[in-house]
Amino acid sequence: MASSSSFASNSQYRPRWKYVVFLSFRGEDTRKTFAGHLYEGLKNRGILTFQDDKRIEDGDSIPEELLKSIEESQFALVVFSKNFAASRWCLNELVKIMECKEEENGQTVIPIFYDVNPSHVRNQRGTLKKHLTNMN
């Protein structure tokens, strides 16, 4: 009969979350300011955080790795900035985050409004409306 310790070492247990936080932001707006400082603060507290320029290995497909990382994160922090909606990839990332939120035992999504009025995001006004209109 196998001992419980050998059973545990042979089991295929895989934790649900690979990352605690997935950090979503528009790089040119906040990478060197708010998002960069937020990432460093989380890291210094020992909170495993995915930030695209910190965790993607050379040769990985960026879109596939990002989508997988979103799925494997317990929390998503979405930093809405003035030009967030100007990036089609940021919007696609947000769609994936919201899909993961809706799943059973899904992730928690926390919006952060950086130099943007929350009502502009909620009601799609201001620069957000301008960027969404230009995408069509």
Foldseek 3Di string as FASTA:
>chain_A
DDDPVVVVVPDPDDDQAPFAEEEAEDCVVDCVHDSVVVVVVCVVVVGGYDDQVPPDDPPDDSVVVLLVNLRRYQEYEHEDELCQLLDPVSVVSVVSNVVQQPDDSGHHYHYHYDHDDPVCVVVVDDSSVVSVVVVD
